[in-house]
C-alpha cells in the first residue's frame, strides 16, 4: 500500500482523541482495522510525541547516521531497526533487574 504524505497529514482530531481514550481504558477492545492509514499514522505520531524519553537519543543518532553511511538505504534501515530493537531490549532488561 502506498499513501502519499501519510505522516504529513493530521487525521481527524476528534477520532484521534477517541482512539487515545479508548486505548488508555482498554487496549484490547480497540479495533484499528476500521481506521484509515492517515488516522493510524496520526495515532503513532501522538504516541511517539508523548513518550517520556525520546526514542532517538544522542547515542542512537550517531548509530543512525553510521548505518546510513555504511549501507544502502533499505539495508541501512533494516540494520538500524535491528540495532534499535537490541538497544531497547537491553534497556528494558537492565531496568527490570535494577
N, C-alpha and C. Protein backbone atom coordinates (compact mmCIF):
# COMPACT_ATOMS: atom_id res chain seq x y z
N UNK A 1 0.85 -1.17 0.00
CA UNK A 1 0.00 0.00 0.00
C UNK A 1 0.89 1.23 0.00
N UNK A 2 0.49 2.24 -0.73
CA UNK A 2 1.25 3.48 -0.80
C UNK A 2 0.32 4.66 -0.58
N UNK A 3 0.60 5.42 0.45
CA UNK A 3 -0.20 6.60 0.78
C UNK A 3 0.74 7.79 0.79
N UNK A 4 0.51 8.73 -0.09
CA UNK A 4 1.38 9.91 -0.16
C UNK A 4 1.09 10.83 1.02
N UNK A 5 2.16 11.29 1.66
CA UNK A 5 2.03 12.25 2.75
C UNK A 5 1.40 11.70 4.01
N UNK A 6 1.54 10.40 4.26
CA UNK A 6 0.83 9.76 5.37
C UNK A 6 1.21 10.39 6.72
N UNK A 7 2.48 10.76 6.90
CA UNK A 7 2.89 11.35 8.18
C UNK A 7 2.82 12.87 8.16
N UNK A 8 2.53 13.43 7.01
CA UNK A 8 2.39 14.89 6.89
C UNK A 8 0.97 15.32 7.24
N UNK A 9 0.01 14.48 6.94
CA UNK A 9 -1.40 14.81 7.20
C UNK A 9 -1.74 14.55 8.66
N UNK A 10 -2.77 15.24 9.15
CA UNK A 10 -3.10 15.18 10.58
C UNK A 10 -4.11 14.12 10.97
N UNK A 11 -5.00 13.75 10.12
CA UNK A 11 -6.07 12.85 10.51
C UNK A 11 -7.16 13.63 11.24
N UNK A 12 -8.19 12.93 11.66
CA UNK A 12 -9.31 13.55 12.34
C UNK A 12 -8.98 13.69 13.83
N UNK A 13 -8.94 14.92 14.32
CA UNK A 13 -8.50 15.19 15.69
C UNK A 13 -9.47 14.59 16.71
N UNK A 14 -10.76 14.69 16.46
CA UNK A 14 -11.74 14.11 17.39
C UNK A 14 -11.58 12.59 17.46
N UNK A 15 -11.41 11.95 16.30
CA UNK A 15 -11.22 10.49 16.26
C UNK A 15 -9.92 10.12 16.98
N UNK A 16 -8.89 10.93 16.81
CA UNK A 16 -7.62 10.69 17.48
C UNK A 16 -7.79 10.70 18.99
N UNK A 17 -8.55 11.67 19.49
CA UNK A 17 -8.81 11.75 20.93
C UNK A 17 -9.62 10.54 21.40
N UNK A 18 -10.63 10.16 20.62
CA UNK A 18 -11.45 8.99 20.96
C UNK A 18 -10.60 7.71 21.00
N UNK A 19 -9.74 7.55 20.00
CA UNK A 19 -8.87 6.37 19.96
C UNK A 19 -7.93 6.35 21.16
N UNK A 20 -7.33 7.50 21.46
CA UNK A 20 -6.40 7.59 22.59
C UNK A 20 -7.10 7.24 23.90
N UNK A 21 -8.28 7.79 24.10
CA UNK A 21 -9.04 7.49 25.32
C UNK A 21 -9.39 6.01 25.40
N UNK A 22 -9.82 5.43 24.29
CA UNK A 22 -10.19 4.01 24.27
C UNK A 22 -8.98 3.12 24.55
N UNK A 23 -7.84 3.46 23.99
CA UNK A 23 -6.63 2.68 24.21
C UNK A 23 -6.19 2.79 25.67
N UNK A 24 -6.31 3.98 26.24
CA UNK A 24 -5.95 4.16 27.65
C UNK A 24 -6.86 3.34 28.57
N UNK A 25 -8.13 3.24 28.22
CA UNK A 25 -9.09 2.48 29.04
C UNK A 25 -8.87 0.97 28.90
N UNK A 26 -8.89 0.48 27.66
CA UNK A 26 -8.78 -0.97 27.42
C UNK A 26 -8.20 -1.21 26.02
N UNK A 27 -6.89 -1.37 25.93
CA UNK A 27 -6.25 -1.52 24.61
C UNK A 27 -6.76 -2.72 23.81
N UNK A 28 -7.15 -3.78 24.47
CA UNK A 28 -7.58 -4.98 23.74
C UNK A 28 -8.95 -4.81 23.08
N UNK A 29 -9.71 -3.80 23.49
CA UNK A 29 -11.04 -3.61 22.92
C UNK A 29 -11.04 -2.70 21.68
N UNK A 30 -9.90 -2.14 21.34
CA UNK A 30 -9.83 -1.19 20.23
C UNK A 30 -9.58 -1.94 18.93
N UNK A 31 -10.41 -1.66 17.93
CA UNK A 31 -10.27 -2.26 16.60
C UNK A 31 -9.73 -1.21 15.63
N UNK A 32 -8.43 -1.29 15.34
CA UNK A 32 -7.80 -0.30 14.47
C UNK A 32 -7.98 -0.62 12.99
N UNK A 33 -8.57 -1.76 12.67
CA UNK A 33 -8.73 -2.13 11.26
C UNK A 33 -9.74 -1.25 10.54
N UNK A 34 -10.59 -0.56 11.29
CA UNK A 34 -11.61 0.28 10.67
C UNK A 34 -11.12 1.70 10.36
N UNK A 35 -9.92 2.04 10.84
CA UNK A 35 -9.38 3.39 10.63
C UNK A 35 -8.49 3.42 9.39
N UNK A 36 -8.44 4.59 8.76
CA UNK A 36 -7.62 4.72 7.57
C UNK A 36 -6.15 4.92 7.95
N UNK A 37 -5.23 4.72 7.01
CA UNK A 37 -3.79 4.81 7.30
C UNK A 37 -3.35 6.18 7.84
N UNK A 38 -3.96 7.25 7.37
CA UNK A 38 -3.59 8.58 7.86
C UNK A 38 -3.95 8.71 9.34
N UNK A 39 -5.10 8.17 9.73
CA UNK A 39 -5.51 8.22 11.13
C UNK A 39 -4.56 7.41 12.00
N UNK A 40 -4.16 6.25 11.52
CA UNK A 40 -3.24 5.40 12.28
C UNK A 40 -1.86 6.05 12.39
N UNK A 41 -1.43 6.73 11.32
CA UNK A 41 -0.16 7.45 11.37
C UNK A 41 -0.22 8.58 12.39
N UNK A 42 -1.36 9.27 12.47
CA UNK A 42 -1.53 10.34 13.45
C UNK A 42 -1.48 9.77 14.87
N UNK A 43 -2.05 8.59 15.07
CA UNK A 43 -2.01 7.94 16.38
C UNK A 43 -0.57 7.58 16.74
N UNK A 44 0.17 7.06 15.79
CA UNK A 44 1.58 6.71 16.02
C UNK A 44 2.40 7.97 16.34
N UNK A 45 2.17 9.05 15.59
CA UNK A 45 2.89 10.30 15.86
C UNK A 45 2.58 10.81 17.27
N UNK A 46 1.33 10.74 17.67
CA UNK A 46 0.94 11.19 19.01
C UNK A 46 1.64 10.35 20.08
N UNK A 47 1.65 9.04 19.89
CA UNK A 47 2.32 8.14 20.83
C UNK A 47 3.80 8.49 20.95
N UNK A 48 4.47 8.67 19.83
CA UNK A 48 5.90 8.97 19.85
C UNK A 48 6.18 10.33 20.49
N UNK A 49 5.32 11.31 20.23
CA UNK A 49 5.49 12.63 20.83
C UNK A 49 5.34 12.60 22.34
N UNK A 50 4.49 11.72 22.84
CA UNK A 50 4.18 11.70 24.27
C UNK A 50 5.04 10.73 25.08
N UNK A 51 6.02 10.09 24.43
CA UNK A 51 6.91 9.21 25.18
C UNK A 51 7.68 10.03 26.23
N UNK A 52 7.87 9.48 27.43
CA UNK A 52 8.58 10.24 28.46
C UNK A 52 10.04 10.48 28.10
N UNK A 53 10.66 9.54 27.42
CA UNK A 53 12.04 9.68 26.98
C UNK A 53 12.07 9.60 25.46
N UNK A 54 12.91 10.40 24.82
CA UNK A 54 12.95 10.36 23.35
C UNK A 54 13.43 9.01 22.84
N UNK A 55 12.88 8.63 21.72
CA UNK A 55 13.28 7.38 21.09
C UNK A 55 14.67 7.51 20.47
N UNK A 56 14.95 8.68 19.91
CA UNK A 56 16.23 8.91 19.25
C UNK A 56 17.12 9.72 20.19
N UNK A 57 17.96 9.02 20.96
CA UNK A 57 18.89 9.68 21.85
C UNK A 57 20.14 10.08 21.06
N UNK A 58 21.04 10.78 21.70
CA UNK A 58 22.28 11.15 21.01
C UNK A 58 23.07 9.92 20.60
N UNK A 59 23.08 8.88 21.44
CA UNK A 59 23.77 7.64 21.09
C UNK A 59 23.15 7.02 19.84
N UNK A 60 21.83 6.96 19.82
CA UNK A 60 21.15 6.36 18.67
C UNK A 60 21.27 7.23 17.43
N UNK A 61 21.38 8.54 17.59
CA UNK A 61 21.54 9.42 16.44
C UNK A 61 22.83 9.08 15.69
N UNK A 62 23.91 8.91 16.43
CA UNK A 62 25.19 8.53 15.80
C UNK A 62 25.06 7.17 15.11
N UNK A 63 24.39 6.25 15.75
CA UNK A 63 24.18 4.93 15.18
C UNK A 63 23.38 5.01 13.89
N UNK A 64 22.35 5.86 13.89
CA UNK A 64 21.54 6.05 12.70
C UNK A 64 22.37 6.61 11.55
N UNK A 65 23.15 7.64 11.83
CA UNK A 65 23.99 8.25 10.80
C UNK A 65 24.99 7.23 10.27
N UNK A 66 25.62 6.47 11.16
CA UNK A 66 26.59 5.46 10.73
C UNK A 66 25.93 4.39 9.87
N UNK A 67 24.74 3.96 10.23
CA UNK A 67 24.07 2.91 9.46
C UNK A 67 23.70 3.39 8.07
N UNK A 68 23.38 4.67 7.94
CA UNK A 68 23.01 5.20 6.63
C UNK A 68 24.23 5.44 5.75
N UNK A 69 25.39 5.67 6.34
CA UNK A 69 26.61 5.91 5.57
C UNK A 69 27.23 4.62 5.06
N UNK A 70 27.10 3.54 5.82
CA UNK A 70 27.79 2.30 5.50
C UNK A 70 27.00 1.35 4.62
N UNK A 71 25.68 1.51 4.60
CA UNK A 71 24.83 0.56 3.88
C UNK A 71 23.89 1.31 2.95
N UNK A 72 23.39 0.62 1.92
CA UNK A 72 22.34 1.23 1.10
C UNK A 72 21.13 1.57 1.97
N UNK A 73 20.29 2.45 1.49
CA UNK A 73 19.17 2.96 2.28
C UNK A 73 18.29 1.85 2.85
N UNK A 74 17.89 0.88 2.03
CA UNK A 74 16.98 -0.14 2.53
C UNK A 74 17.67 -1.05 3.54
N UNK A 75 18.89 -1.46 3.26
CA UNK A 75 19.62 -2.31 4.20
C UNK A 75 19.96 -1.52 5.46
N UNK A 76 20.30 -0.24 5.29
CA UNK A 76 20.59 0.61 6.44
C UNK A 76 19.40 0.72 7.37
N UNK A 77 18.22 0.82 6.79
CA UNK A 77 17.01 0.91 7.61
C UNK A 77 16.81 -0.39 8.41
N UNK A 78 17.04 -1.51 7.77
CA UNK A 78 16.90 -2.80 8.45
C UNK A 78 17.93 -2.90 9.58
N UNK A 79 19.16 -2.52 9.28
CA UNK A 79 20.22 -2.57 10.30
C UNK A 79 19.87 -1.66 11.46
N UNK A 80 19.42 -0.45 11.17
CA UNK A 80 19.05 0.49 12.22
C UNK A 80 17.91 -0.07 13.07
N UNK A 81 16.93 -0.64 12.43
CA UNK A 81 15.79 -1.20 13.15
C UNK A 81 16.26 -2.30 14.10
N UNK A 82 17.11 -3.17 13.63
CA UNK A 82 17.61 -4.25 14.48
C UNK A 82 18.45 -3.69 15.63
N UNK A 83 19.26 -2.68 15.34
CA UNK A 83 20.09 -2.08 16.39
C UNK A 83 19.22 -1.42 17.45
N UNK A 84 18.19 -0.72 17.03
CA UNK A 84 17.30 -0.07 17.99
C UNK A 84 16.57 -1.11 18.83
N UNK A 85 16.11 -2.18 18.19
CA UNK A 85 15.41 -3.23 18.94
C UNK A 85 16.34 -3.85 19.98
N UNK A 86 17.57 -4.11 19.60
CA UNK A 86 18.54 -4.68 20.53
C UNK A 86 18.81 -3.70 21.67
N UNK A 87 18.99 -2.43 21.34
CA UNK A 87 19.23 -1.42 22.36
C UNK A 87 18.06 -1.33 23.33
N UNK A 88 16.84 -1.26 22.80
CA UNK A 88 15.66 -1.15 23.66
C UNK A 88 15.48 -2.39 24.51
N UNK A 89 15.73 -3.56 23.95
CA UNK A 89 15.61 -4.79 24.72
C UNK A 89 16.61 -4.78 25.88
N UNK A 90 17.84 -4.35 25.60
CA UNK A 90 18.85 -4.27 26.65
C UNK A 90 18.45 -3.26 27.71
N UNK A 91 17.86 -2.14 27.31
CA UNK A 91 17.41 -1.13 28.26
C UNK A 91 16.31 -1.69 29.16
N UNK A 92 15.37 -2.40 28.56
CA UNK A 92 14.26 -2.98 29.34
C UNK A 92 14.78 -4.01 30.31
N UNK A 93 15.69 -4.88 29.85
CA UNK A 93 16.26 -5.89 30.74
C UNK A 93 17.04 -5.24 31.88
N UNK A 94 17.79 -4.21 31.55
CA UNK A 94 18.58 -3.51 32.56
C UNK A 94 17.65 -2.85 33.58
N UNK A 95 16.60 -2.19 33.12
CA UNK A 95 15.67 -1.52 34.03
C UNK A 95 14.88 -2.51 34.87
N UNK A 96 14.63 -3.70 34.33
CA UNK A 96 13.86 -4.70 35.05
C UNK A 96 14.64 -5.27 36.22
N UNK A 97 15.94 -5.43 36.05
CA UNK A 97 16.75 -6.09 37.07
C UNK A 97 17.39 -5.12 38.06
N UNK A 98 17.19 -3.85 37.87
CA UNK A 98 17.80 -2.88 38.81
C UNK A 98 16.90 -2.69 40.00
